[in-house]
N, C-alpha and C. Protein backbone atom coordinates (compact mmCIF):
# COMPACT_ATOMS: atom_id res chain seq x y z
N MET A 1 0.61 -1.38 -0.11
CA MET A 1 -0.07 -0.49 -0.08
C MET A 1 0.96 1.78 0.05
N ILE A 2 0.59 2.42 -0.88
CA ILE A 2 1.36 3.47 -0.57
C ILE A 2 0.17 4.54 -0.32
N PHE A 3 0.62 5.00 0.70
CA PHE A 3 0.19 6.26 1.68
C PHE A 3 0.26 7.27 1.59
N ASN A 4 -0.36 9.08 0.78
CA ASN A 4 0.36 10.22 0.82
C ASN A 4 0.47 10.76 1.89
N ARG A 5 1.12 10.86 2.83
CA ARG A 5 1.63 11.57 4.76
C ARG A 5 1.06 13.05 4.24
N THR A 6 1.37 14.30 2.93
CA THR A 6 0.95 15.14 3.18
C THR A 6 -0.48 14.68 2.65
N ARG A 7 -1.50 14.58 1.85
CA ARG A 7 -2.97 14.64 1.69
C ARG A 7 -3.37 13.76 2.52
N GLN A 8 -2.93 12.55 3.43
CA GLN A 8 -3.75 11.93 3.79
C GLN A 8 -4.26 10.66 3.26
N THR A 9 -4.19 10.41 2.44
CA THR A 9 -4.85 9.26 1.28
C THR A 9 -3.87 8.11 0.53
N VAL A 10 -4.64 7.49 0.90
CA VAL A 10 -4.11 6.40 -0.27
C VAL A 10 -4.19 6.08 -1.39
N ILE A 11 -3.09 6.26 -2.34
CA ILE A 11 -3.62 5.79 -3.62
C ILE A 11 -2.92 5.62 -4.43
N SER A 12 -2.52 4.01 -3.51
CA SER A 12 -2.03 2.65 -4.53
C SER A 12 -3.03 1.71 -3.08
N LYS A 13 -3.41 0.65 -3.02
CA LYS A 13 -4.34 -0.06 -2.42
C LYS A 13 -2.84 -1.10 -2.66
N ASN A 14 -2.57 -2.11 -3.75
CA ASN A 14 -1.75 -2.95 -4.50
C ASN A 14 -0.60 -2.79 -5.69
N GLU A 15 0.53 -3.03 -5.27
CA GLU A 15 1.05 -2.70 -6.83
C GLU A 15 2.11 -3.45 -6.15
N LYS A 16 3.02 -3.71 -7.93
CA LYS A 16 3.97 -4.46 -7.73
C LYS A 16 4.94 -3.86 -7.56
N LYS A 17 6.40 -4.49 -6.79
CA LYS A 17 7.28 -4.09 -6.16
C LYS A 17 9.00 -4.76 -7.07
N CYS A 18 9.61 -3.87 -8.16
CA CYS A 18 10.90 -4.35 -8.82
C CYS A 18 11.65 -3.86 -7.41
N THR A 19 12.36 -4.80 -7.61
CA THR A 19 14.09 -3.98 -6.86
C THR A 19 15.39 -5.21 -7.66
N SER A 20 14.37 -5.80 -8.48
CA SER A 20 15.92 -6.17 -9.39
C SER A 20 16.14 -6.02 -10.83
N TRP A 21 17.31 -5.61 -11.38
CA TRP A 21 17.53 -5.02 -12.02
C TRP A 21 16.73 -5.85 -13.55
N TRP A 22 16.30 -7.07 -13.67
CA TRP A 22 15.60 -7.85 -14.60
C TRP A 22 13.74 -7.28 -14.44
N SER A 23 13.23 -7.43 -13.35
CA SER A 23 12.17 -6.67 -12.44
C SER A 23 11.95 -5.41 -13.30
N GLN A 24 12.85 -4.60 -13.34
CA GLN A 24 12.84 -3.04 -13.15
C GLN A 24 13.21 -3.17 -15.20
N VAL A 25 13.89 -3.54 -16.10
CA VAL A 25 13.75 -3.97 -17.18
C VAL A 25 11.95 -4.18 -18.25
N ILE A 26 11.67 -5.03 -17.36
CA ILE A 26 10.68 -5.58 -18.13
C ILE A 26 9.29 -4.79 -17.31
N GLY A 27 9.50 -4.61 -16.16
CA GLY A 27 8.00 -3.36 -15.59
C GLY A 27 7.09 -3.92 -15.64
N LEU A 28 6.51 -3.13 -17.01
CA LEU A 28 5.02 -2.91 -17.02
C LEU A 28 4.14 -3.89 -17.87
N MET A 29 5.33 -3.74 -18.79
CA MET A 29 5.60 -4.60 -20.02
C MET A 29 4.60 -6.12 -20.22
N PHE A 30 3.62 -5.48 -21.17
CA PHE A 30 3.06 -7.02 -21.19
C PHE A 30 2.15 -7.41 -19.85
N HIS A 31 1.83 -6.79 -18.94
CA HIS A 31 1.39 -6.95 -17.66
C HIS A 31 -0.50 -6.02 -17.83
N ARG A 32 -1.01 -6.64 -17.09
CA ARG A 32 -2.36 -5.83 -16.91
C ARG A 32 -2.17 -4.69 -16.31
N LYS A 33 -2.70 -4.52 -16.17
CA LYS A 33 -2.71 -2.37 -15.83
C LYS A 33 -2.88 -2.79 -14.11
N GLN A 34 -1.85 -2.45 -13.33
CA GLN A 34 -1.45 -2.22 -12.38
C GLN A 34 -0.39 -1.06 -11.34
N ASN A 35 -0.46 -0.81 -10.40
CA ASN A 35 0.79 0.24 -10.29
C ASN A 35 1.86 -0.88 -9.93
N LEU A 36 3.29 -0.46 -9.86
CA LEU A 36 4.60 -0.50 -9.72
C LEU A 36 5.39 0.46 -9.11
N VAL A 37 5.82 -0.19 -8.04
CA VAL A 37 7.19 0.92 -7.94
C VAL A 37 8.76 -0.25 -8.11
N MET A 38 9.54 0.73 -8.55
CA MET A 38 10.80 0.58 -8.60
C MET A 38 11.47 0.81 -7.39
N ILE A 39 12.62 -0.09 -6.55
CA ILE A 39 13.55 0.49 -5.59
C ILE A 39 14.75 0.02 -6.51
N PHE A 40 15.77 1.43 -5.95
CA PHE A 40 16.99 1.63 -6.42
C PHE A 40 18.25 1.56 -5.99
N PRO A 41 19.04 0.84 -5.82
CA PRO A 41 19.58 0.91 -4.61
C PRO A 41 20.60 2.68 -3.91
N ARG A 42 20.91 2.96 -4.98
CA ARG A 42 21.58 4.36 -5.46
C ARG A 42 20.13 5.65 -5.87
N PRO A 43 20.23 6.65 -5.75
CA PRO A 43 20.05 7.27 -6.73
C PRO A 43 20.27 7.41 -8.16
N ARG A 44 19.88 7.07 -9.10
CA ARG A 44 19.95 7.63 -10.45
C ARG A 44 19.41 8.02 -11.77
N LYS A 45 19.66 8.38 -12.64
CA LYS A 45 19.37 8.78 -13.72
C LYS A 45 18.14 8.05 -14.63
N VAL A 46 17.33 8.51 -14.81
CA VAL A 46 15.88 7.71 -15.27
C VAL A 46 15.83 7.71 -16.52
N ARG A 47 15.31 6.76 -16.92
CA ARG A 47 15.31 6.56 -18.93
C ARG A 47 13.86 5.48 -18.99
N LEU A 48 12.73 5.92 -19.16
CA LEU A 48 11.66 4.96 -19.68
C LEU A 48 11.03 5.36 -20.66
N HIS A 49 10.13 3.73 -21.20
CA HIS A 49 10.01 3.74 -22.61
C HIS A 49 8.61 3.29 -22.07
N MET A 50 7.32 3.17 -23.50
CA MET A 50 6.09 2.96 -22.81
C MET A 50 6.05 1.42 -23.86
N PHE A 51 6.71 1.24 -25.01
CA PHE A 51 6.34 -0.07 -25.12
C PHE A 51 6.31 -1.28 -24.83
N PHE A 52 5.59 -1.91 -25.33
CA PHE A 52 4.63 -2.74 -25.33
C PHE A 52 3.52 -3.04 -23.48
N VAL A 53 3.37 -1.07 -23.05
CA VAL A 53 2.66 -1.31 -21.96
C VAL A 53 1.16 -0.10 -22.19
N PHE A 54 -0.21 -0.83 -22.64
CA PHE A 54 -0.78 -0.56 -23.80
C PHE A 54 -2.13 0.88 -23.33
N TYR A 55 -1.78 1.08 -21.91
CA TYR A 55 -2.34 1.99 -21.40
C TYR A 55 -1.51 3.10 -20.69
N PRO A 56 -1.88 4.31 -20.44
CA PRO A 56 -0.90 5.61 -20.44
C PRO A 56 -1.20 5.13 -18.16
N ILE A 57 0.23 5.67 -18.42
CA ILE A 57 0.44 6.05 -16.37
C ILE A 57 0.92 7.34 -15.90
N ASP A 58 0.97 7.89 -15.09
CA ASP A 58 2.09 8.64 -13.85
C ASP A 58 2.72 8.39 -13.99
N VAL A 59 3.92 8.73 -13.69
CA VAL A 59 5.55 8.44 -13.45
C VAL A 59 5.83 9.44 -12.11
N LEU A 60 5.50 8.94 -11.04
CA LEU A 60 6.37 9.53 -10.05
C LEU A 60 7.66 9.70 -9.47
N LEU A 61 8.60 10.31 -9.35
CA LEU A 61 10.22 9.81 -9.09
C LEU A 61 10.60 10.80 -7.18
N LEU A 62 10.51 9.61 -6.48
CA LEU A 62 10.81 10.15 -5.07
C LEU A 62 12.17 10.00 -4.75
N ASP A 63 12.66 11.00 -3.60
CA ASP A 63 13.96 10.86 -3.53
C ASP A 63 14.28 9.97 -2.03
N GLU A 64 15.37 10.28 -1.44
CA GLU A 64 16.06 9.13 -0.58
C GLU A 64 14.87 9.66 0.36
N LYS A 65 13.69 10.29 1.28
CA LYS A 65 13.15 10.24 2.14
C LYS A 65 11.45 10.25 1.56
N ASN A 66 11.54 9.74 0.17
CA ASN A 66 10.19 9.53 -0.33
C ASN A 66 9.52 10.55 -1.27
N ARG A 67 9.85 11.69 -1.14
CA ARG A 67 9.38 12.78 -1.27
C ARG A 67 8.94 13.04 -3.01
N ILE A 68 8.07 13.11 -3.54
CA ILE A 68 7.72 13.65 -5.43
C ILE A 68 9.09 14.64 -5.35
N VAL A 69 9.81 14.22 -6.54
CA VAL A 69 10.54 15.17 -6.41
C VAL A 69 10.27 15.90 -8.15
N GLU A 70 10.39 14.50 -8.85
CA GLU A 70 8.87 15.27 -10.41
C GLU A 70 8.22 14.25 -10.49
N ILE A 71 6.79 14.74 -11.98
CA ILE A 71 5.93 14.31 -11.81
C ILE A 71 5.52 14.32 -13.37
N LYS A 72 5.47 12.70 -14.11
CA LYS A 72 5.17 12.58 -15.45
C LYS A 72 3.71 12.30 -15.50
N ARG A 73 2.86 13.30 -15.87
CA ARG A 73 1.60 12.45 -15.78
C ARG A 73 0.91 12.39 -17.84
N ASN A 74 0.12 11.95 -17.69
CA ASN A 74 -0.44 11.32 -18.80
C ASN A 74 0.98 10.54 -20.12
N PHE A 75 1.79 9.90 -19.05
CA PHE A 75 2.63 9.14 -20.04
C PHE A 75 2.57 7.76 -20.90
N ARG A 76 2.09 8.13 -22.26
CA ARG A 76 1.66 7.99 -22.68
C ARG A 76 2.41 6.16 -23.86
N PRO A 77 1.51 5.20 -24.55
CA PRO A 77 2.13 3.82 -25.11
C PRO A 77 3.16 4.69 -26.47
N PHE A 78 3.86 3.59 -25.71
CA PHE A 78 5.06 3.86 -27.01
C PHE A 78 5.73 5.11 -27.18
N ALA A 79 5.76 5.64 -26.64
CA ALA A 79 6.40 6.83 -26.30
C ALA A 79 7.99 6.55 -25.13
N PHE A 80 8.80 8.19 -24.84
CA PHE A 80 9.57 7.84 -24.19
C PHE A 80 9.78 8.60 -23.33
N TRP A 81 10.77 8.76 -22.44
CA TRP A 81 11.08 10.03 -21.35
C TRP A 81 11.80 9.80 -20.73
N ASN A 82 13.30 11.01 -20.18
CA ASN A 82 13.94 10.75 -19.50
C ASN A 82 13.39 11.90 -18.64
N SER A 83 14.36 11.45 -17.24
CA SER A 83 13.71 12.74 -16.04
C SER A 83 14.87 13.11 -15.61
N ARG A 84 14.16 14.69 -15.06
CA ARG A 84 15.40 15.94 -14.66
C ARG A 84 16.20 15.42 -13.54
N HIS A 85 15.84 14.41 -12.74
CA HIS A 85 16.33 14.22 -11.20
C HIS A 85 16.89 12.80 -11.37
N ARG A 86 17.50 12.57 -10.28
CA ARG A 86 18.12 11.60 -10.02
C ARG A 86 17.12 10.65 -8.68
N PRO A 87 15.79 10.12 -9.25
CA PRO A 87 15.26 9.47 -8.17
C PRO A 87 15.80 8.45 -6.93
N GLN A 88 15.14 7.49 -5.95
CA GLN A 88 16.04 6.93 -5.31
C GLN A 88 15.02 5.80 -5.56
N LYS A 89 13.45 5.78 -6.43
CA LYS A 89 12.61 5.13 -6.25
C LYS A 89 11.40 5.51 -7.30
N VAL A 90 11.15 4.75 -8.10
CA VAL A 90 9.99 5.00 -9.19
C VAL A 90 8.74 4.42 -9.28
N VAL A 91 7.85 5.26 -9.10
CA VAL A 91 6.43 5.01 -9.24
C VAL A 91 5.64 4.99 -10.12
N GLU A 92 4.62 4.62 -10.84
CA GLU A 92 4.58 3.92 -11.70
C GLU A 92 3.14 3.38 -11.88
N MET A 93 2.02 4.74 -11.69
CA MET A 93 1.07 4.75 -11.32
C MET A 93 -0.09 4.10 -12.79
N ALA A 94 -0.73 3.00 -12.72
CA ALA A 94 -1.58 2.97 -13.87
C ALA A 94 -2.70 3.35 -13.41
N PHE A 95 -3.03 3.12 -12.03
CA PHE A 95 -4.62 4.39 -11.14
C PHE A 95 -3.83 5.24 -10.39
N PRO A 96 -3.98 6.40 -11.07
CA PRO A 96 -3.72 7.72 -10.74
C PRO A 96 -4.57 7.93 -9.42
N GLY A 97 -3.42 8.23 -8.45
CA GLY A 97 -4.59 9.33 -7.46
C GLY A 97 -4.32 10.77 -7.11
N GLU A 98 -3.99 11.19 -5.81
CA GLU A 98 -4.02 12.66 -5.28
C GLU A 98 -2.74 12.47 -5.24
N TYR A 99 -1.87 13.49 -5.70
CA TYR A 99 0.02 13.53 -5.58
C TYR A 99 -0.09 14.84 -5.62
N GLU A 100 1.09 15.37 -5.76
CA GLU A 100 1.83 16.79 -6.12
C GLU A 100 2.79 16.25 -5.92
N LYS A 101 3.80 17.28 -6.65
CA LYS A 101 5.04 17.69 -5.95
C LYS A 101 5.54 17.68 -4.91
N ASN A 102 6.56 17.22 -4.11
CA ASN A 102 6.60 17.71 -3.35
C ASN A 102 6.30 16.88 -1.94
N ASP A 103 4.62 16.06 -2.13
CA ASP A 103 4.68 15.10 -1.26
C ASP A 103 5.22 13.96 -1.32
N VAL A 104 4.52 14.04 -0.02
CA VAL A 104 5.36 12.94 0.71
C VAL A 104 5.52 11.38 1.10
N LEU A 105 5.68 10.10 0.52
CA LEU A 105 4.82 9.02 -0.05
C LEU A 105 5.04 8.71 1.34
N LYS A 106 4.50 7.01 1.97
CA LYS A 106 4.98 5.99 2.50
C LYS A 106 4.28 5.28 2.62
N PHE A 107 5.45 4.08 2.24
CA PHE A 107 4.76 2.65 1.95
C PHE A 107 5.10 1.38 2.82
N TYR A 108 3.63 0.59 3.28
CA TYR A 108 3.11 -0.37 3.68
C TYR A 108 3.55 -2.11 2.79
């Protein structure tokens, strides 16, 4: 579960967690609609594509304190995107919730 501490709302009740390199490469490709969390060992630049993901998502980039530092809204199928920040976590929201830049999230 992902809880938005700033707005006191649940933004995801069930999400896939990706910690391995391979699970992060595959991401949401060929999966049904679901939310996903990628956790990196250290902050890094993120380059994403939406090949073989057939629905739009919101992408949230989080720093080490789980603060949203960048949001890519309505990331469409078969598109590319490069982040401006170096996040520790990436949350891909197939079911968008209530969140804005600088909100702090908590993971359960």
